[in-house]
Amino acid sequence: MKTWLIRIGIALTAAIALLAALTAIEYFGGTPMGLFAGSRPEGLGYVDGHFKPPTWKPNCVSSTIDKTDRHYIEPISLGAGNWAKLVATVKAQPRAAVVTEKPDYLYAEFTSAGMGFVDDVEFALDAKSGVIQVRSSSRLGISDRGVNRARIEAIRAAFSKP
């Protein structure tokens, strides 16, 4: 066999072994290492009734954009509770860390269990409309396999419980 093929095989085996070791450490080693945490994005916040608009990537959902946009998600109705209940619901979520808590705005970072990917999640009390506006977005990658949409729906369901 050619020497270069052997070298490529050894390099690929080493890369796969390293990836497997990092994954095992992440899953079985306790706290995620945050290798894929990314940097906190600029422009977060709720300004003039809107969150930062989503990029072209499908890894973000927002309730403050046009309903025909694929990133759109319904806001959370206040009918089931109040702002304090939402804050408690978010704080009870696995791997959630509240970064900013104000009387009408909440920003939390959610870290994935395995590789430590971080998603930025925002909530804004829109008392005039009787809803809580939401935005959830991945920092890294393109596809989130629906994680951000599912997270908001899970928080909506938990918030709606009596």
N, C-alpha and C. Protein backbone atom coordinates (compact mmCIF):
# COMPACT_ATOMS: atom_id res chain seq x y z
N MET A 1 0.84 -1.18 0.00
CA MET A 1 0.00 0.00 0.00
C MET A 1 0.89 1.24 0.00
N LYS A 2 0.41 2.28 -0.60
CA LYS A 2 1.17 3.52 -0.68
C LYS A 2 1.33 4.15 0.70
N THR A 3 2.49 4.75 0.93
CA THR A 3 2.79 5.38 2.21
C THR A 3 1.83 6.52 2.52
N TRP A 4 1.47 7.30 1.52
CA TRP A 4 0.60 8.45 1.76
C TRP A 4 -0.80 8.01 2.19
N LEU A 5 -1.27 6.87 1.69
CA LEU A 5 -2.57 6.37 2.12
C LEU A 5 -2.53 5.93 3.58
N ILE A 6 -1.43 5.35 3.98
CA ILE A 6 -1.28 4.94 5.38
C ILE A 6 -1.26 6.17 6.29
N ARG A 7 -0.54 7.20 5.87
CA ARG A 7 -0.47 8.43 6.66
C ARG A 7 -1.85 9.10 6.78
N ILE A 8 -2.60 9.13 5.70
CA ILE A 8 -3.94 9.71 5.73
C ILE A 8 -4.83 8.90 6.67
N GLY A 9 -4.72 7.59 6.60
CA GLY A 9 -5.50 6.73 7.49
C GLY A 9 -5.17 6.96 8.95
N ILE A 10 -3.90 7.10 9.26
CA ILE A 10 -3.48 7.36 10.64
C ILE A 10 -3.99 8.72 11.10
N ALA A 11 -3.89 9.73 10.24
CA ALA A 11 -4.35 11.07 10.60
C ALA A 11 -5.86 11.08 10.83
N LEU A 12 -6.61 10.42 9.97
CA LEU A 12 -8.07 10.35 10.15
C LEU A 12 -8.43 9.60 11.43
N THR A 13 -7.75 8.52 11.71
CA THR A 13 -8.01 7.77 12.94
C THR A 13 -7.72 8.62 14.17
N ALA A 14 -6.63 9.36 14.14
CA ALA A 14 -6.29 10.23 15.27
C ALA A 14 -7.33 11.34 15.45
N ALA A 15 -7.79 11.93 14.36
CA ALA A 15 -8.79 12.99 14.44
C ALA A 15 -10.11 12.45 15.00
N ILE A 16 -10.51 11.28 14.55
CA ILE A 16 -11.75 10.67 15.05
C ILE A 16 -11.61 10.32 16.53
N ALA A 17 -10.46 9.80 16.92
CA ALA A 17 -10.23 9.46 18.33
C ALA A 17 -10.27 10.72 19.21
N LEU A 18 -9.68 11.80 18.72
CA LEU A 18 -9.70 13.06 19.48
C LEU A 18 -11.12 13.59 19.62
N LEU A 19 -11.88 13.56 18.55
CA LEU A 19 -13.27 14.01 18.59
C LEU A 19 -14.09 13.14 19.54
N ALA A 20 -13.89 11.84 19.51
CA ALA A 20 -14.60 10.93 20.41
C ALA A 20 -14.22 11.20 21.86
N ALA A 21 -12.96 11.47 22.12
CA ALA A 21 -12.52 11.76 23.49
C ALA A 21 -13.13 13.06 24.00
N LEU A 22 -13.13 14.10 23.16
CA LEU A 22 -13.74 15.37 23.56
C LEU A 22 -15.24 15.22 23.81
N THR A 23 -15.91 14.46 22.97
CA THR A 23 -17.34 14.23 23.15
C THR A 23 -17.59 13.47 24.45
N ALA A 24 -16.79 12.45 24.73
CA ALA A 24 -16.96 11.68 25.97
C ALA A 24 -16.73 12.55 27.20
N ILE A 25 -15.72 13.41 27.13
CA ILE A 25 -15.45 14.32 28.26
C ILE A 25 -16.63 15.25 28.46
N GLU A 26 -17.20 15.77 27.37
CA GLU A 26 -18.34 16.67 27.47
C GLU A 26 -19.54 15.97 28.09
N TYR A 27 -19.84 14.76 27.63
CA TYR A 27 -21.04 14.07 28.11
C TYR A 27 -20.87 13.47 29.49
N PHE A 28 -19.70 12.93 29.78
CA PHE A 28 -19.52 12.22 31.04
C PHE A 28 -18.68 12.98 32.06
N GLY A 29 -18.11 14.08 31.65
CA GLY A 29 -17.21 14.81 32.53
C GLY A 29 -17.86 15.90 33.35
N GLY A 30 -19.18 16.02 33.28
CA GLY A 30 -19.85 17.03 34.11
C GLY A 30 -20.14 18.28 33.32
N THR A 31 -19.63 19.40 33.77
CA THR A 31 -19.91 20.69 33.16
C THR A 31 -19.32 20.77 31.76
N PRO A 32 -20.10 21.27 30.79
CA PRO A 32 -19.56 21.41 29.44
C PRO A 32 -18.33 22.32 29.43
N MET A 33 -17.39 22.00 28.57
CA MET A 33 -16.16 22.78 28.49
C MET A 33 -16.36 24.10 27.76
N GLY A 34 -17.45 24.22 27.02
CA GLY A 34 -17.72 25.46 26.32
C GLY A 34 -16.85 25.66 25.10
N LEU A 35 -16.39 24.57 24.51
CA LEU A 35 -15.57 24.69 23.31
C LEU A 35 -16.33 25.38 22.18
N PHE A 36 -17.65 25.26 22.22
CA PHE A 36 -18.47 25.80 21.15
C PHE A 36 -19.43 26.88 21.69
N ALA A 37 -18.99 27.60 22.70
CA ALA A 37 -19.85 28.61 23.32
C ALA A 37 -20.01 29.84 22.44
N GLY A 38 -18.99 30.21 21.69
CA GLY A 38 -19.06 31.43 20.89
C GLY A 38 -19.03 32.66 21.77
N SER A 39 -19.18 33.81 21.17
CA SER A 39 -19.17 35.08 21.89
C SER A 39 -20.58 35.63 22.01
N ARG A 40 -20.83 36.35 23.09
CA ARG A 40 -22.13 36.98 23.28
C ARG A 40 -22.33 37.99 22.15
N PRO A 41 -23.46 37.91 21.45
CA PRO A 41 -23.68 38.81 20.31
C PRO A 41 -23.97 40.24 20.74
N GLU A 42 -23.70 41.17 19.86
CA GLU A 42 -24.03 42.57 20.09
C GLU A 42 -25.45 42.82 19.60
N GLY A 43 -26.05 43.87 20.10
CA GLY A 43 -27.36 44.27 19.61
C GLY A 43 -28.54 43.56 20.24
N LEU A 44 -28.30 42.85 21.35
CA LEU A 44 -29.42 42.21 22.01
C LEU A 44 -30.23 43.26 22.75
N GLY A 45 -31.48 42.94 23.04
CA GLY A 45 -32.34 43.85 23.76
C GLY A 45 -33.65 44.04 23.01
N TYR A 46 -34.56 44.71 23.66
CA TYR A 46 -35.90 44.96 23.12
C TYR A 46 -36.03 46.47 22.94
N VAL A 47 -36.01 46.91 21.68
CA VAL A 47 -36.01 48.34 21.38
C VAL A 47 -37.18 48.65 20.44
N ASP A 48 -38.01 49.59 20.86
CA ASP A 48 -39.16 50.02 20.05
C ASP A 48 -40.04 48.85 19.62
N GLY A 49 -40.24 47.91 20.51
CA GLY A 49 -41.13 46.79 20.22
C GLY A 49 -40.54 45.68 19.38
N HIS A 50 -39.21 45.67 19.25
CA HIS A 50 -38.57 44.65 18.42
C HIS A 50 -37.25 44.16 19.03
N PHE A 51 -36.96 42.89 18.77
CA PHE A 51 -35.65 42.33 19.08
C PHE A 51 -34.77 42.48 17.85
N LYS A 52 -33.51 42.17 18.02
CA LYS A 52 -32.57 42.11 16.91
C LYS A 52 -33.15 41.16 15.85
N PRO A 53 -33.17 41.55 14.58
CA PRO A 53 -33.74 40.66 13.56
C PRO A 53 -32.87 39.42 13.34
N PRO A 54 -33.50 38.32 12.96
CA PRO A 54 -32.72 37.11 12.68
C PRO A 54 -31.87 37.27 11.42
N THR A 55 -30.82 36.48 11.36
CA THR A 55 -30.00 36.44 10.14
C THR A 55 -30.68 35.49 9.16
N TRP A 56 -30.02 35.16 8.08
CA TRP A 56 -30.56 34.24 7.08
C TRP A 56 -30.58 32.80 7.60
N LYS A 57 -29.81 32.53 8.66
CA LYS A 57 -29.70 31.17 9.17
C LYS A 57 -31.02 30.71 9.80
N PRO A 58 -31.34 29.43 9.69
CA PRO A 58 -32.59 28.93 10.26
C PRO A 58 -32.52 28.61 11.75
N ASN A 59 -31.47 29.05 12.45
CA ASN A 59 -31.28 28.70 13.86
C ASN A 59 -31.77 29.78 14.83
N CYS A 60 -32.80 30.50 14.46
CA CYS A 60 -33.33 31.58 15.29
C CYS A 60 -34.84 31.67 15.11
N VAL A 61 -35.53 31.99 16.22
CA VAL A 61 -36.96 32.29 16.15
C VAL A 61 -37.22 33.61 16.88
N SER A 62 -38.22 34.35 16.41
CA SER A 62 -38.55 35.63 17.02
C SER A 62 -40.03 35.92 16.83
N SER A 63 -40.62 36.53 17.84
CA SER A 63 -42.03 36.90 17.75
C SER A 63 -42.23 38.34 17.29
N THR A 64 -41.15 39.07 17.06
CA THR A 64 -41.29 40.48 16.69
C THR A 64 -40.96 40.74 15.23
N ILE A 65 -41.12 39.73 14.41
CA ILE A 65 -40.90 39.88 12.97
C ILE A 65 -42.21 39.55 12.25
N ASP A 66 -42.23 39.74 10.96
CA ASP A 66 -43.41 39.48 10.16
C ASP A 66 -43.84 38.02 10.29
N LYS A 67 -45.14 37.79 10.42
CA LYS A 67 -45.67 36.43 10.62
C LYS A 67 -45.40 35.50 9.45
N THR A 68 -45.10 36.05 8.28
CA THR A 68 -44.83 35.20 7.12
C THR A 68 -43.38 34.73 7.07
N ASP A 69 -42.52 35.31 7.90
CA ASP A 69 -41.10 34.93 7.94
C ASP A 69 -40.96 33.56 8.58
N ARG A 70 -40.08 32.73 8.05
CA ARG A 70 -39.89 31.37 8.57
C ARG A 70 -39.33 31.35 10.00
N HIS A 71 -38.77 32.47 10.45
CA HIS A 71 -38.24 32.57 11.80
C HIS A 71 -39.32 32.94 12.84
N TYR A 72 -40.51 33.26 12.36
CA TYR A 72 -41.56 33.74 13.26
C TYR A 72 -42.05 32.65 14.21
N ILE A 73 -42.31 33.07 15.44
CA ILE A 73 -42.94 32.21 16.45
C ILE A 73 -43.92 33.10 17.22
N GLU A 74 -45.03 32.52 17.63
CA GLU A 74 -46.04 33.27 18.38
C GLU A 74 -45.47 33.72 19.72
N PRO A 75 -45.83 34.93 20.17
CA PRO A 75 -45.43 35.34 21.51
C PRO A 75 -46.18 34.50 22.54
N ILE A 76 -45.76 34.58 23.79
CA ILE A 76 -46.39 33.84 24.87
C ILE A 76 -47.50 34.71 25.46
N SER A 77 -48.71 34.15 25.55
CA SER A 77 -49.85 34.89 26.10
C SER A 77 -49.70 35.06 27.60
N LEU A 78 -50.01 36.25 28.07
CA LEU A 78 -49.96 36.52 29.50
C LEU A 78 -51.15 35.94 30.24
N GLY A 79 -52.13 35.44 29.51
CA GLY A 79 -53.34 34.91 30.12
C GLY A 79 -53.09 33.83 31.15
N ALA A 80 -51.99 33.10 31.02
CA ALA A 80 -51.72 31.98 31.92
C ALA A 80 -50.92 32.37 33.15
N GLY A 81 -50.44 33.58 33.24
CA GLY A 81 -49.60 33.92 34.39
C GLY A 81 -49.13 35.36 34.33
N ASN A 82 -48.00 35.61 34.97
CA ASN A 82 -47.46 36.96 35.00
C ASN A 82 -45.95 36.91 34.74
N TRP A 83 -45.34 38.07 34.75
CA TRP A 83 -43.91 38.16 34.45
C TRP A 83 -43.07 37.35 35.43
N ALA A 84 -43.39 37.42 36.72
CA ALA A 84 -42.63 36.68 37.73
C ALA A 84 -42.69 35.17 37.46
N LYS A 85 -43.83 34.71 37.00
CA LYS A 85 -43.98 33.28 36.69
C LYS A 85 -43.09 32.91 35.50
N LEU A 86 -43.02 33.79 34.49
CA LEU A 86 -42.15 33.51 33.35
C LEU A 86 -40.69 33.44 33.80
N VAL A 87 -40.26 34.40 34.61
CA VAL A 87 -38.87 34.41 35.09
C VAL A 87 -38.57 33.11 35.84
N ALA A 88 -39.47 32.68 36.70
CA ALA A 88 -39.28 31.43 37.44
C ALA A 88 -39.25 30.23 36.50
N THR A 89 -40.09 30.25 35.48
CA THR A 89 -40.12 29.16 34.50
C THR A 89 -38.80 29.05 33.76
N VAL A 90 -38.26 30.19 33.34
CA VAL A 90 -36.98 30.19 32.61
C VAL A 90 -35.85 29.72 33.53
N LYS A 91 -35.82 30.22 34.75
CA LYS A 91 -34.76 29.83 35.69
C LYS A 91 -34.80 28.33 36.01
N ALA A 92 -35.96 27.72 35.89
CA ALA A 92 -36.11 26.29 36.19
C ALA A 92 -35.68 25.39 35.03
N GLN A 93 -35.42 25.98 33.87
CA GLN A 93 -35.03 25.18 32.70
C GLN A 93 -33.61 24.64 32.87
N PRO A 94 -33.37 23.43 32.36
CA PRO A 94 -32.02 22.87 32.46
C PRO A 94 -30.98 23.72 31.72
N ARG A 95 -29.83 23.91 32.33
CA ARG A 95 -28.68 24.59 31.74
C ARG A 95 -28.98 26.02 31.30
N ALA A 96 -29.88 26.69 32.03
CA ALA A 96 -30.21 28.10 31.76
C ALA A 96 -29.48 28.97 32.76
N ALA A 97 -28.89 30.04 32.27
CA ALA A 97 -28.22 31.02 33.14
C ALA A 97 -28.77 32.40 32.80
N VAL A 98 -29.44 33.02 33.74
CA VAL A 98 -29.98 34.36 33.51
C VAL A 98 -28.84 35.36 33.56
N VAL A 99 -28.74 36.16 32.52
CA VAL A 99 -27.69 37.17 32.41
C VAL A 99 -28.23 38.54 32.80
N THR A 100 -29.41 38.88 32.30
CA THR A 100 -30.04 40.17 32.58
C THR A 100 -31.48 39.95 32.99
N GLU A 101 -31.85 40.51 34.14
CA GLU A 101 -33.23 40.42 34.62
C GLU A 101 -33.71 41.80 35.00
N LYS A 102 -34.70 42.30 34.27
CA LYS A 102 -35.31 43.60 34.53
C LYS A 102 -36.81 43.38 34.70
N PRO A 103 -37.53 44.40 35.16
CA PRO A 103 -38.98 44.24 35.36
C PRO A 103 -39.76 43.91 34.08
N ASP A 104 -39.17 44.17 32.91
CA ASP A 104 -39.88 43.90 31.66
C ASP A 104 -39.00 43.24 30.59
N TYR A 105 -37.82 42.78 30.96
CA TYR A 105 -36.89 42.16 30.00
C TYR A 105 -36.07 41.10 30.70
N LEU A 106 -35.90 39.96 30.03
CA LEU A 106 -35.10 38.86 30.57
C LEU A 106 -34.22 38.32 29.46
N TYR A 107 -32.93 38.17 29.76
CA TYR A 107 -31.98 37.58 28.81
C TYR A 107 -31.29 36.43 29.51
N ALA A 108 -31.34 35.26 28.87
CA ALA A 108 -30.71 34.06 29.43
C ALA A 108 -29.88 33.36 28.37
N GLU A 109 -28.86 32.67 28.83
CA GLU A 109 -28.04 31.83 27.95
C GLU A 109 -28.34 30.38 28.30
N PHE A 110 -28.60 29.59 27.27
CA PHE A 110 -28.86 28.17 27.43
C PHE A 110 -27.68 27.41 26.82
N THR A 111 -27.10 26.50 27.59
CA THR A 111 -25.94 25.74 27.14
C THR A 111 -26.34 24.30 26.88
N SER A 112 -25.96 23.77 25.72
CA SER A 112 -26.31 22.39 25.39
C SER A 112 -25.55 21.42 26.28
N ALA A 113 -26.14 20.27 26.51
CA ALA A 113 -25.57 19.28 27.43
C ALA A 113 -24.25 18.72 26.93
N GLY A 114 -24.14 18.47 25.67
CA GLY A 114 -22.96 17.78 25.17
C GLY A 114 -21.77 18.66 24.89
N MET A 115 -21.83 19.38 23.81
CA MET A 115 -20.67 20.12 23.34
C MET A 115 -20.60 21.54 23.87
N GLY A 116 -21.58 21.99 24.62
CA GLY A 116 -21.52 23.31 25.22
C GLY A 116 -21.89 24.45 24.29
N PHE A 117 -22.71 24.17 23.26
CA PHE A 117 -23.20 25.24 22.39
C PHE A 117 -24.08 26.17 23.23
N VAL A 118 -24.00 27.48 22.97
CA VAL A 118 -24.78 28.44 23.73
C VAL A 118 -25.80 29.12 22.80
N ASP A 119 -27.03 29.22 23.30
CA ASP A 119 -28.10 29.93 22.61
C ASP A 119 -28.48 31.14 23.46
N ASP A 120 -28.78 32.24 22.81
CA ASP A 120 -29.20 33.47 23.48
C ASP A 120 -30.72 33.57 23.40
N VAL A 121 -31.37 33.71 24.56
CA VAL A 121 -32.82 33.71 24.62
C VAL A 121 -33.29 34.98 25.34
N GLU A 122 -34.21 35.70 24.70
CA GLU A 122 -34.71 36.95 25.24
C GLU A 122 -36.23 36.92 25.37
N PHE A 123 -36.71 37.59 26.41
CA PHE A 123 -38.14 37.74 26.65
C PHE A 123 -38.40 39.20 26.99
N ALA A 124 -39.49 39.75 26.48
CA ALA A 124 -39.86 41.13 26.79
C ALA A 124 -41.34 41.20 27.09
N LEU A 125 -41.68 41.83 28.18
CA LEU A 125 -43.07 42.00 28.58
C LEU A 125 -43.69 43.10 27.72
N ASP A 126 -44.69 42.72 26.95
CA ASP A 126 -45.43 43.66 26.11
C ASP A 126 -46.83 43.76 26.71
N ALA A 127 -46.92 44.51 27.82
CA ALA A 127 -48.17 44.59 28.59
C ALA A 127 -49.31 45.18 27.76
N LYS A 128 -48.99 46.10 26.88
CA LYS A 128 -50.02 46.73 26.03
C LYS A 128 -50.73 45.68 25.17
N SER A 129 -49.99 44.71 24.67
CA SER A 129 -50.56 43.65 23.83
C SER A 129 -50.97 42.43 24.64
N GLY A 130 -50.58 42.38 25.90
CA GLY A 130 -50.92 41.24 26.74
C GLY A 130 -50.14 39.98 26.42
N VAL A 131 -48.91 40.17 25.94
CA VAL A 131 -48.06 39.03 25.58
C VAL A 131 -46.63 39.23 26.07
N ILE A 132 -45.88 38.15 26.00
CA ILE A 132 -44.45 38.20 26.26
C ILE A 132 -43.78 37.90 24.92
N GLN A 133 -43.06 38.87 24.40
CA GLN A 133 -42.34 38.69 23.15
C GLN A 133 -41.12 37.81 23.40
N VAL A 134 -40.73 37.00 22.41
CA VAL A 134 -39.64 36.04 22.59
C VAL A 134 -38.67 36.07 21.41
N ARG A 135 -37.44 35.71 21.71
CA ARG A 135 -36.41 35.52 20.68
C ARG A 135 -35.44 34.48 21.22
N SER A 136 -35.10 33.49 20.40
CA SER A 136 -34.14 32.47 20.78
C SER A 136 -33.26 32.19 19.57
N SER A 137 -31.93 32.27 19.76
CA SER A 137 -31.02 32.15 18.63
C SER A 137 -29.73 31.45 19.01
N SER A 138 -29.26 30.60 18.12
CA SER A 138 -27.97 29.94 18.31
C SER A 138 -26.85 30.91 17.97
N ARG A 139 -25.75 30.81 18.70
CA ARG A 139 -24.59 31.66 18.41
C ARG A 139 -23.78 31.13 17.25
N LEU A 140 -23.63 29.83 17.19
CA LEU A 140 -22.77 29.21 16.19
C LEU A 140 -23.56 28.27 15.30
N GLY A 141 -23.01 27.99 14.15
CA GLY A 141 -23.62 27.03 13.24
C GLY A 141 -24.70 27.64 12.38
N ILE A 142 -25.29 26.78 11.59
CA ILE A 142 -26.35 27.21 10.68
C ILE A 142 -27.68 26.61 11.13
N SER A 143 -27.74 25.31 11.21
CA SER A 143 -28.98 24.66 11.61
C SER A 143 -28.92 24.29 13.09
N ASP A 144 -30.04 24.43 13.77
CA ASP A 144 -30.12 24.02 15.17
C ASP A 144 -31.04 22.81 15.33
N ARG A 145 -31.50 22.27 14.21
CA ARG A 145 -32.42 21.13 14.18
C ARG A 145 -33.69 21.41 14.98
N GLY A 146 -34.12 22.67 14.98
CA GLY A 146 -35.37 23.05 15.63
C GLY A 146 -35.29 23.25 17.13
N VAL A 147 -34.08 23.28 17.69
CA VAL A 147 -33.90 23.38 19.14
C VAL A 147 -34.47 24.68 19.69
N ASN A 148 -34.22 25.81 19.03
CA ASN A 148 -34.70 27.09 19.56
C ASN A 148 -36.22 27.18 19.56
N ARG A 149 -36.86 26.70 18.51
CA ARG A 149 -38.32 26.70 18.44
C ARG A 149 -38.89 25.77 19.52
N ALA A 150 -38.29 24.59 19.64
CA ALA A 150 -38.76 23.63 20.65
C ALA A 150 -38.57 24.18 22.07
N ARG A 151 -37.49 24.91 22.31
CA ARG A 151 -37.25 25.49 23.63
C ARG A 151 -38.35 26.47 23.99
N ILE A 152 -38.67 27.38 23.07
CA ILE A 152 -39.72 28.36 23.34
C ILE A 152 -41.06 27.66 23.56
N GLU A 153 -41.36 26.65 22.78
CA GLU A 153 -42.62 25.93 22.95
C GLU A 153 -42.65 25.20 24.31
N ALA A 154 -41.52 24.67 24.74
CA ALA A 154 -41.46 24.01 26.05
C ALA A 154 -41.66 25.02 27.19
N ILE A 155 -41.06 26.20 27.04
CA ILE A 155 -41.25 27.25 28.05
C ILE A 155 -42.69 27.72 28.03
N ARG A 156 -43.27 27.86 26.86
CA ARG A 156 -44.68 28.25 26.76
C ARG A 156 -45.57 27.23 27.49
N ALA A 157 -45.31 25.94 27.27
CA ALA A 157 -46.11 24.89 27.89
C ALA A 157 -45.94 24.90 29.42
N ALA A 158 -44.70 25.06 29.88
CA ALA A 158 -44.45 25.09 31.33
C ALA A 158 -45.08 26.32 31.96
N PHE A 159 -45.02 27.45 31.27
CA PHE A 159 -45.60 28.70 31.77
C PHE A 159 -47.12 28.61 31.84
N SER A 160 -47.71 27.89 30.92
CA SER A 160 -49.17 27.80 30.83
C SER A 160 -49.78 26.85 31.87
N LYS A 161 -48.96 26.03 32.50
CA LYS A 161 -49.49 25.11 33.51
C LYS A 161 -49.94 25.90 34.72
N PRO A 162 -51.09 25.49 35.31
CA PRO A 162 -51.57 26.22 36.50
C PRO A 162 -50.66 26.08 37.70
